[in-house]
Amino acid sequence: MKNLVVATILFISTFSFTTTAQAGNPQHVRQLLATKQCQNCDLSGAGLVMSDLSGADLRGANLSGANLSRANLSDADLRDANLSGAGLFGANLSGAKLTRVNLLGADLRNTYLVNARLIDVDVNTANLQGATGITSQVAKPEQFYAWGVASAEKGNLKQAAQYFNQAISAKPDYAGAYLARGIARYHMLDSKGAFEDAQVAEKLFKSQKDITGLQTAQAFILEIQAPQEAKVRPSKPTLMDFVGSLSSVLLQFLSF
């Protein structure tokens, strides 16, 4: 079930976009590009890659399936807009008004969301991998954790640690997030930080009577404390031997 949850979160719908405007109403596209005023416009499927739409009024606009990759939407008013299935990879949404926006299946990877106002918005089905500026008011701690897991699986440990930071900030007793951040730090050669996180995780798992978590944290502590020369011996059990794989370590503490 947990794997299914993660798969759902990480699922990215593949859309076929063109670089020319092929919207439901081409006149609305021209209006938008000329005036940046397009309330309630039909812009579905529009090709707006790298468009300068800063400060644009797009309230209530239908942008479903539109390609807004790397577009500048800073300070744009997108309240009540439909961005379902839209491609916003690398878009600048800083300061944008996103109240009640439909983000079902939207691709928001690497977007810039600093100071964006995401109110009454469900981000659970959107892909926000690598997005910056997401606040704890927007997503649940478990969502940040899931993004951290996905980043770790891709080898982006620095980004993973940042997501685990946010999970911990939103939920200070999130034992799994401390352990996950510790593992990320350990693989980034920050043994001191990893050990501190592992100790906190151990205490939290113990207080929460989570036997599996406690055993995993203790195995990780032993891994950190083991002499470097001992770790190169083939017969020496490691944390990964104990739990199976990095993915299994992280996924077992994901719950919604």
C-alpha atoms as a PDB file:
ATOM      1  CA  MET A   1       0.000   0.000   0.000  1.00  0.00           C
ATOM      2  CA  LYS A   2       2.836   2.363   0.869  1.00  0.00           C
ATOM      3  CA  ASN A   3       4.552   1.660  -2.437  1.00  0.00           C
ATOM      4  CA  LEU A   4       1.283   2.415  -4.180  1.00  0.00           C
ATOM      5  CA  VAL A   5       1.036   5.751  -2.386  1.00  0.00           C
ATOM      6  CA  VAL A   6       4.541   6.710  -3.407  1.00  0.00           C
ATOM      7  CA  ALA A   7       3.939   5.598  -6.963  1.00  0.00           C
ATOM      8  CA  THR A   8       0.834   7.761  -7.080  1.00  0.00           C
ATOM      9  CA  ILE A   9       2.693  10.776  -5.738  1.00  0.00           C
ATOM     10  CA  LEU A  10       5.566  10.362  -8.154  1.00  0.00           C
ATOM     11  CA  PHE A  11       3.434   9.526 -11.184  1.00  0.00           C
ATOM     12  CA  ILE A  12       3.912  12.034 -13.968  1.00  0.00           C
ATOM     13  CA  SER A  13       1.407  12.049 -16.744  1.00  0.00           C
ATOM     14  CA  THR A  14       3.077  12.343 -20.128  1.00  0.00           C
ATOM     15  CA  PHE A  15       1.532  14.988 -22.291  1.00  0.00           C
ATOM     16  CA  SER A  16       2.279  15.799 -25.902  1.00  0.00           C
ATOM     17  CA  PHE A  17       2.834  19.518 -26.250  1.00  0.00           C
ATOM     18  CA  THR A  18       3.649  21.702 -29.243  1.00  0.00           C
ATOM     19  CA  THR A  19       5.581  24.929 -29.169  1.00  0.00           C
ATOM     20  CA  THR A  20       2.912  26.812 -31.077  1.00  0.00           C
ATOM     21  CA  ALA A  21      -0.358  27.917 -29.603  1.00  0.00           C
ATOM     22  CA  GLN A  22      -3.007  25.277 -30.051  1.00  0.00           C
ATOM     23  CA  ALA A  23      -5.476  26.404 -27.437  1.00  0.00           C
ATOM     24  CA  GLY A  24      -9.172  25.874 -27.205  1.00  0.00           C
ATOM     25  CA  ASN A  25      -9.467  29.491 -28.330  1.00  0.00           C
ATOM     26  CA  PRO A  26      -6.422  30.864 -30.240  1.00  0.00           C
ATOM     27  CA  GLN A  27      -7.806  34.390 -29.941  1.00  0.00           C
ATOM     28  CA  HIS A  28      -7.554  34.106 -26.168  1.00  0.00           C
ATOM     29  CA  VAL A  29      -3.893  33.125 -26.489  1.00  0.00           C
ATOM     30  CA  ARG A  30      -3.169  36.192 -28.592  1.00  0.00           C
ATOM     31  CA  GLN A  31      -5.060  38.340 -26.110  1.00  0.00           C
ATOM     32  CA  LEU A  32      -3.038  36.963 -23.221  1.00  0.00           C
ATOM     33  CA  LEU A  33       0.315  37.489 -24.906  1.00  0.00           C
ATOM     34  CA  ALA A  34      -0.601  40.995 -26.033  1.00  0.00           C
ATOM     35  CA  THR A  35      -2.257  42.309 -22.868  1.00  0.00           C
ATOM     36  CA  LYS A  36      -1.604  39.815 -20.053  1.00  0.00           C
ATOM     37  CA  GLN A  37      -5.323  40.131 -19.314  1.00  0.00           C
ATOM     38  CA  CYS A  38      -7.300  36.941 -19.839  1.00  0.00           C
ATOM     39  CA  GLN A  39      -9.869  36.246 -17.164  1.00  0.00           C
ATOM     40  CA  ASN A  40     -11.911  33.062 -17.725  1.00  0.00           C
ATOM     41  CA  CYS A  41     -10.103  32.428 -21.019  1.00  0.00           C
ATOM     42  CA  ASP A  42      -9.936  29.047 -22.702  1.00  0.00           C
ATOM     43  CA  LEU A  43      -6.203  28.378 -22.920  1.00  0.00           C
ATOM     44  CA  SER A  44      -6.378  24.600 -22.733  1.00  0.00           C
ATOM     45  CA  GLY A  45      -3.434  22.960 -24.480  1.00  0.00           C
ATOM     46  CA  ALA A  46      -1.775  26.299 -25.236  1.00  0.00           C
ATOM     47  CA  GLY A  47       1.942  26.330 -26.027  1.00  0.00           C
ATOM     48  CA  LEU A  48       3.308  29.030 -23.735  1.00  0.00           C
ATOM     49  CA  VAL A  49       6.850  27.824 -23.163  1.00  0.00           C
ATOM     50  CA  MET A  50       9.102  30.539 -21.687  1.00  0.00           C
ATOM     51  CA  SER A  51       6.362  33.146 -22.064  1.00  0.00           C
ATOM     52  CA  ASP A  52       6.616  36.326 -20.005  1.00  0.00           C
ATOM     53  CA  LEU A  53       3.341  36.300 -18.101  1.00  0.00           C
ATOM     54  CA  SER A  54       4.537  38.147 -15.035  1.00  0.00           C
ATOM     55  CA  GLY A  55       1.638  39.908 -13.343  1.00  0.00           C
ATOM     56  CA  ALA A  56      -0.861  38.401 -15.783  1.00  0.00           C
ATOM     57  CA  ASP A  57      -4.536  38.273 -14.826  1.00  0.00           C
ATOM     58  CA  LEU A  58      -5.549  34.662 -15.406  1.00  0.00           C
ATOM     59  CA  ARG A  59      -8.356  34.380 -12.879  1.00  0.00           C
ATOM     60  CA  GLY A  60     -10.651  31.505 -13.727  1.00  0.00           C
ATOM     61  CA  ALA A  61      -8.717  30.652 -16.884  1.00  0.00           C
ATOM     62  CA  ASN A  62      -8.733  27.129 -18.277  1.00  0.00           C
ATOM     63  CA  LEU A  63      -5.068  26.168 -18.666  1.00  0.00           C
ATOM     64  CA  SER A  64      -5.585  22.421 -18.551  1.00  0.00           C
ATOM     65  CA  GLY A  65      -2.875  20.637 -20.511  1.00  0.00           C
ATOM     66  CA  ALA A  66      -1.132  23.917 -21.338  1.00  0.00           C
ATOM     67  CA  ASN A  67       2.658  23.926 -21.669  1.00  0.00           C
ATOM     68  CA  LEU A  68       3.988  26.663 -19.407  1.00  0.00           C
ATOM     69  CA  SER A  69       7.441  25.200 -18.938  1.00  0.00           C
ATOM     70  CA  ARG A  70       9.938  27.851 -17.801  1.00  0.00           C
ATOM     71  CA  ALA A  71       7.317  30.564 -18.172  1.00  0.00           C
ATOM     72  CA  ASN A  72       7.558  33.651 -15.988  1.00  0.00           C
ATOM     73  CA  LEU A  73       4.361  33.725 -13.956  1.00  0.00           C
ATOM     74  CA  SER A  74       5.715  35.778 -11.083  1.00  0.00           C
ATOM     75  CA  ASP A  75       2.969  37.757  -9.333  1.00  0.00           C
ATOM     76  CA  ALA A  76       0.387  36.366 -11.773  1.00  0.00           C
ATOM     77  CA  ASP A  77      -3.200  36.108 -10.559  1.00  0.00           C
ATOM     78  CA  LEU A  78      -4.283  32.510 -11.134  1.00  0.00           C
ATOM     79  CA  ARG A  79      -7.083  32.296  -8.608  1.00  0.00           C
ATOM     80  CA  ASP A  80      -9.658  29.634  -9.527  1.00  0.00           C
ATOM     81  CA  ALA A  81      -7.690  28.689 -12.648  1.00  0.00           C
ATOM     82  CA  ASN A  82      -7.643  25.142 -13.985  1.00  0.00           C
ATOM     83  CA  LEU A  83      -4.050  23.897 -14.304  1.00  0.00           C
ATOM     84  CA  SER A  84      -4.881  20.201 -14.366  1.00  0.00           C
ATOM     85  CA  GLY A  85      -2.325  18.327 -16.448  1.00  0.00           C
ATOM     86  CA  ALA A  86      -0.446  21.542 -17.185  1.00  0.00           C
ATOM     87  CA  GLY A  87       3.319  21.469 -17.715  1.00  0.00           C
ATOM     88  CA  LEU A  88       5.011  24.012 -15.472  1.00  0.00           C
ATOM     89  CA  PHE A  89       8.479  22.535 -15.336  1.00  0.00           C
ATOM     90  CA  GLY A  90      10.927  25.202 -14.171  1.00  0.00           C
ATOM     91  CA  ALA A  91       8.279  27.944 -14.179  1.00  0.00           C
ATOM     92  CA  ASN A  92       8.653  31.020 -11.990  1.00  0.00           C
ATOM     93  CA  LEU A  93       5.569  31.271  -9.784  1.00  0.00           C
ATOM     94  CA  SER A  94       7.055  33.510  -7.123  1.00  0.00           C
ATOM     95  CA  GLY A  95       4.384  35.710  -5.576  1.00  0.00           C
ATOM     96  CA  ALA A  96       1.661  34.170  -7.730  1.00  0.00           C
ATOM     97  CA  LYS A  97      -1.889  33.985  -6.397  1.00  0.00           C
ATOM     98  CA  LEU A  98      -2.900  30.338  -6.591  1.00  0.00           C
ATOM     99  CA  THR A  99      -5.992  30.224  -4.431  1.00  0.00           C
ATOM    100  CA  ARG A 100      -8.323  27.312  -5.315  1.00  0.00           C
ATOM    101  CA  VAL A 101      -6.212  26.370  -8.344  1.00  0.00           C
ATOM    102  CA  ASN A 102      -6.785  22.885  -9.769  1.00  0.00           C
ATOM    103  CA  LEU A 103      -3.374  21.165  -9.877  1.00  0.00           C
ATOM    104  CA  LEU A 104      -4.576  17.637 -10.639  1.00  0.00           C
ATOM    105  CA  GLY A 105      -1.688  15.886 -12.416  1.00  0.00           C
ATOM    106  CA  ALA A 106       0.205  19.145 -12.980  1.00  0.00           C
ATOM    107  CA  ASP A 107       3.958  18.989 -13.541  1.00  0.00           C
ATOM    108  CA  LEU A 108       5.526  21.505 -11.158  1.00  0.00           C
ATOM    109  CA  ARG A 109       9.006  20.066 -11.063  1.00  0.00           C
ATOM    110  CA  ASN A 110      11.732  22.610 -10.338  1.00  0.00           C
ATOM    111  CA  THR A 111       9.233  25.442 -10.075  1.00  0.00           C
ATOM    112  CA  TYR A 112      10.016  28.534  -8.016  1.00  0.00           C
ATOM    113  CA  LEU A 113       7.219  29.038  -5.505  1.00  0.00           C
ATOM    114  CA  VAL A 114       8.726  31.495  -3.045  1.00  0.00           C
ATOM    115  CA  ASN A 115       5.960  33.730  -1.636  1.00  0.00           C
ATOM    116  CA  ALA A 116       3.375  32.039  -3.864  1.00  0.00           C
ATOM    117  CA  ARG A 117      -0.049  32.001  -2.205  1.00  0.00           C
ATOM    118  CA  LEU A 118      -1.293  28.433  -2.344  1.00  0.00           C
ATOM    119  CA  ILE A 119      -4.598  28.546  -0.475  1.00  0.00           C
ATOM    120  CA  ASP A 120      -7.264  25.825  -0.623  1.00  0.00           C
ATOM    121  CA  VAL A 121      -5.106  23.885  -3.079  1.00  0.00           C
ATOM    122  CA  ASP A 122      -4.608  20.107  -3.189  1.00  0.00           C
ATOM    123  CA  VAL A 123      -0.995  19.419  -4.179  1.00  0.00           C
ATOM    124  CA  ASN A 124      -1.097  15.674  -3.518  1.00  0.00           C
ATOM    125  CA  THR A 125      -1.510  14.696  -7.165  1.00  0.00           C
ATOM    126  CA  ALA A 126       0.902  17.292  -8.565  1.00  0.00           C
ATOM    127  CA  ASN A 127       4.570  16.549  -9.173  1.00  0.00           C
ATOM    128  CA  LEU A 128       6.570  19.008  -7.072  1.00  0.00           C
ATOM    129  CA  GLN A 129       9.957  17.329  -7.188  1.00  0.00           C
ATOM    130  CA  GLY A 130      12.686  19.945  -6.938  1.00  0.00           C
ATOM    131  CA  ALA A 131      10.251  22.817  -6.372  1.00  0.00           C
ATOM    132  CA  THR A 132      11.516  25.527  -4.027  1.00  0.00           C
ATOM    133  CA  GLY A 133       9.519  27.665  -1.646  1.00  0.00           C
ATOM    134  CA  ILE A 134       6.885  25.095  -0.629  1.00  0.00           C
ATOM    135  CA  THR A 135       5.646  25.875   2.865  1.00  0.00           C
ATOM    136  CA  SER A 136       4.429  23.504   5.561  1.00  0.00           C
ATOM    137  CA  GLN A 137       0.964  25.040   5.185  1.00  0.00           C
ATOM    138  CA  VAL A 138       0.753  23.681   1.643  1.00  0.00           C
ATOM    139  CA  ALA A 139       1.728  20.049   2.174  1.00  0.00           C
ATOM    140  CA  LYS A 140       1.567  17.519   4.983  1.00  0.00           C
ATOM    141  CA  PRO A 141       4.753  16.303   6.703  1.00  0.00           C
ATOM    142  CA  GLU A 142       4.233  12.918   5.063  1.00  0.00           C
ATOM    143  CA  GLN A 143       4.166  14.598   1.664  1.00  0.00           C
ATOM    144  CA  PHE A 144       7.520  16.280   2.280  1.00  0.00           C
ATOM    145  CA  TYR A 145       8.819  12.930   3.451  1.00  0.00           C
ATOM    146  CA  ALA A 146       7.601  11.235   0.262  1.00  0.00           C
ATOM    147  CA  TRP A 147       9.344  13.867  -1.865  1.00  0.00           C
ATOM    148  CA  GLY A 148      12.476  13.271   0.164  1.00  0.00           C
ATOM    149  CA  VAL A 149      12.253   9.537  -0.494  1.00  0.00           C
ATOM    150  CA  ALA A 150      11.883  10.153  -4.225  1.00  0.00           C
ATOM    151  CA  SER A 151      14.879  12.505  -4.261  1.00  0.00           C
ATOM    152  CA  ALA A 152      16.982   9.999  -2.318  1.00  0.00           C
ATOM    153  CA  GLU A 153      16.084   7.226  -4.747  1.00  0.00           C
ATOM    154  CA  LYS A 154      17.326   9.456  -7.568  1.00  0.00           C
ATOM    155  CA  GLY A 155      20.577  10.084  -5.729  1.00  0.00           C
ATOM    156  CA  ASN A 156      19.815  13.728  -4.944  1.00  0.00           C
ATOM    157  CA  LEU A 157      20.638  13.485  -1.250  1.00  0.00           C
ATOM    158  CA  LYS A 158      20.994  17.210  -0.628  1.00  0.00           C
ATOM    159  CA  GLN A 159      17.491  17.848  -1.898  1.00  0.00           C
ATOM    160  CA  ALA A 160      16.218  14.816   0.021  1.00  0.00           C
ATOM    161  CA  ALA A 161      17.669  16.213   3.255  1.00  0.00           C
ATOM    162  CA  GLN A 162      15.925  19.522   2.611  1.00  0.00           C
ATOM    163  CA  TYR A 163      12.579  17.772   2.254  1.00  0.00           C
ATOM    164  CA  PHE A 164      13.210  15.803   5.441  1.00  0.00           C
ATOM    165  CA  ASN A 165      14.022  19.116   7.140  1.00  0.00           C
ATOM    166  CA  GLN A 166      10.586  20.398   6.149  1.00  0.00           C
ATOM    167  CA  ALA A 167       8.902  17.210   7.339  1.00  0.00           C
ATOM    168  CA  ILE A 168      10.599  17.580  10.710  1.00  0.00           C
ATOM    169  CA  SER A 169       9.781  21.276  10.919  1.00  0.00           C
ATOM    170  CA  ALA A 170       6.104  20.502  10.356  1.00  0.00           C
ATOM    171  CA  LYS A 171       6.111  17.446  12.629  1.00  0.00           C
ATOM    172  CA  PRO A 172       8.886  17.603  15.265  1.00  0.00           C
ATOM    173  CA  ASP A 173       8.257  14.050  16.508  1.00  0.00           C
ATOM    174  CA  TYR A 174       8.521  12.480  13.051  1.00  0.00           C
ATOM    175  CA  ALA A 175      11.019   9.759  13.949  1.00  0.00           C
ATOM    176  CA  GLY A 176      11.207   8.356  10.424  1.00  0.00           C
ATOM    177  CA  ALA A 177      12.153  11.754   9.017  1.00  0.00           C
ATOM    178  CA  TYR A 178      15.022  12.097  11.496  1.00  0.00           C
ATOM    179  CA  LEU A 179      16.284   8.656  10.552  1.00  0.00           C
ATOM    180  CA  ALA A 180      15.912   9.376   6.835  1.00  0.00           C
ATOM    181  CA  ARG A 181      17.738  12.698   7.150  1.00  0.00           C
ATOM    182  CA  GLY A 182      20.449  10.931   9.116  1.00  0.00           C
ATOM    183  CA  ILE A 183      20.892   8.378   6.351  1.00  0.00           C
ATOM    184  CA  ALA A 184      21.064  11.150   3.765  1.00  0.00           C
ATOM    185  CA  ARG A 185      23.665  12.985   5.834  1.00  0.00           C
ATOM    186  CA  TYR A 186      25.652   9.796   6.314  1.00  0.00           C
ATOM    187  CA  HIS A 187      25.855   9.263   2.583  1.00  0.00           C
ATOM    188  CA  MET A 188      26.938  12.900   2.213  1.00  0.00           C
ATOM    189  CA  LEU A 189      29.809  12.082   4.619  1.00  0.00           C
ATOM    190  CA  ASP A 190      28.330  14.103   7.479  1.00  0.00           C
ATOM    191  CA  SER A 191      28.804  11.425  10.143  1.00  0.00           C
ATOM    192  CA  LYS A 192      28.318  13.850  13.027  1.00  0.00           C
ATOM    193  CA  GLY A 193      24.957  15.091  11.735  1.00  0.00           C
ATOM    194  CA  ALA A 194      23.926  11.541  10.858  1.00  0.00           C
ATOM    195  CA  PHE A 195      24.732  10.307  14.362  1.00  0.00           C
ATOM    196  CA  GLU A 196      22.768  13.147  15.980  1.00  0.00           C
ATOM    197  CA  ASP A 197      19.725  12.415  13.816  1.00  0.00           C
ATOM    198  CA  ALA A 198      19.999   8.689  14.500  1.00  0.00           C
ATOM    199  CA  GLN A 199      20.042   9.305  18.243  1.00  0.00           C
ATOM    200  CA  VAL A 200      16.948  11.517  18.066  1.00  0.00           C
ATOM    201  CA  ALA A 201      15.206   8.911  15.894  1.00  0.00           C
ATOM    202  CA  GLU A 202      16.116   6.164  18.378  1.00  0.00           C
ATOM    203  CA  LYS A 203      14.620   8.108  21.298  1.00  0.00           C
ATOM    204  CA  LEU A 204      11.451   8.938  19.378  1.00  0.00           C
ATOM    205  CA  PHE A 205      10.940   5.384  18.122  1.00  0.00           C
ATOM    206  CA  LYS A 206      11.419   4.121  21.670  1.00  0.00           C
ATOM    207  CA  SER A 207       8.904   6.586  23.131  1.00  0.00           C
ATOM    208  CA  GLN A 208       6.458   5.746  20.332  1.00  0.00           C
ATOM    209  CA  LYS A 209       6.958   2.002  20.947  1.00  0.00           C
ATOM    210  CA  ASP A 210       7.904   1.448  17.305  1.00  0.00           C
ATOM    211  CA  ILE A 211      10.028  -1.693  17.535  1.00  0.00           C
ATOM    212  CA  THR A 212      10.915  -1.857  13.847  1.00  0.00           C
ATOM    213  CA  GLY A 213      11.940   1.785  13.801  1.00  0.00           C
ATOM    214  CA  LEU A 214      13.939   1.368  16.999  1.00  0.00           C
ATOM    215  CA  GLN A 215      15.840  -1.622  15.655  1.00  0.00           C
ATOM    216  CA  THR A 216      16.546   0.171  12.383  1.00  0.00           C
ATOM    217  CA  ALA A 217      17.826   3.275  14.173  1.00  0.00           C
ATOM    218  CA  GLN A 218      20.037   1.158  16.422  1.00  0.00           C
ATOM    219  CA  ALA A 219      21.445  -0.728  13.428  1.00  0.00           C
ATOM    220  CA  PHE A 220      22.177   2.601  11.764  1.00  0.00           C
ATOM    221  CA  ILE A 221      23.959   3.877  14.891  1.00  0.00           C
ATOM    222  CA  LEU A 222      26.157   0.766  14.900  1.00  0.00           C
ATOM    223  CA  GLU A 223      26.893   1.354  11.219  1.00  0.00           C
ATOM    224  CA  ILE A 224      28.020   4.920  11.924  1.00  0.00           C
ATOM    225  CA  GLN A 225      30.151   3.891  14.892  1.00  0.00           C
ATOM    226  CA  ALA A 226      31.861   0.976  13.145  1.00  0.00           C
ATOM    227  CA  PRO A 227      35.518   1.638  12.267  1.00  0.00           C
ATOM    228  CA  GLN A 228      36.072   2.471   8.621  1.00  0.00           C
ATOM    229  CA  GLU A 229      38.405  -0.481   8.099  1.00  0.00           C
ATOM    230  CA  ALA A 230      35.737  -2.854   9.392  1.00  0.00           C
ATOM    231  CA  LYS A 231      33.238  -1.633   6.832  1.00  0.00           C
ATOM    232  CA  VAL A 232      35.311  -2.846   3.906  1.00  0.00           C
ATOM    233  CA  ARG A 233      35.222  -6.438   5.093  1.00  0.00           C
ATOM    234  CA  PRO A 234      32.796  -8.455   2.927  1.00  0.00           C
ATOM    235  CA  SER A 235      31.562 -10.428   5.930  1.00  0.00           C
ATOM    236  CA  LYS A 236      30.631  -7.323   7.937  1.00  0.00           C
ATOM    237  CA  PRO A 237      26.810  -6.835   8.025  1.00  0.00           C
ATOM    238  CA  THR A 238      25.774  -3.288   7.133  1.00  0.00           C
ATOM    239  CA  LEU A 239      22.629  -1.258   7.634  1.00  0.00           C
ATOM    240  CA  MET A 240      21.581  -2.176   4.099  1.00  0.00           C
ATOM    241  CA  ASP A 241      22.027  -5.860   4.926  1.00  0.00           C
ATOM    242  CA  PHE A 242      19.769  -5.371   7.934  1.00  0.00           C
ATOM    243  CA  VAL A 243      16.922  -3.604   6.169  1.00  0.00           C
ATOM    244  CA  GLY A 244      17.370  -4.721   2.563  1.00  0.00           C
ATOM    245  CA  SER A 245      17.846  -1.458   0.684  1.00  0.00           C
ATOM    246  CA  LEU A 246      17.774   2.307   1.064  1.00  0.00           C
ATOM    247  CA  SER A 247      14.277   2.360  -0.404  1.00  0.00           C
ATOM    248  CA  SER A 248      13.007  -0.154   2.124  1.00  0.00           C
ATOM    249  CA  VAL A 249      14.490   1.892   4.967  1.00  0.00           C
ATOM    250  CA  LEU A 250      12.720   5.040   3.902  1.00  0.00           C
ATOM    251  CA  LEU A 251       9.458   3.586   2.655  1.00  0.00           C
ATOM    252  CA  GLN A 252       8.694   1.731   5.857  1.00  0.00           C
ATOM    253  CA  PHE A 253       8.276   5.062   7.653  1.00  0.00           C
ATOM    254  CA  LEU A 254       5.973   6.610   5.071  1.00  0.00           C
ATOM    255  CA  SER A 255       2.337   6.784   6.170  1.00  0.00           C
ATOM    256  CA  PHE A 256      -0.618   8.943   5.186  1.00  0.00           C
END
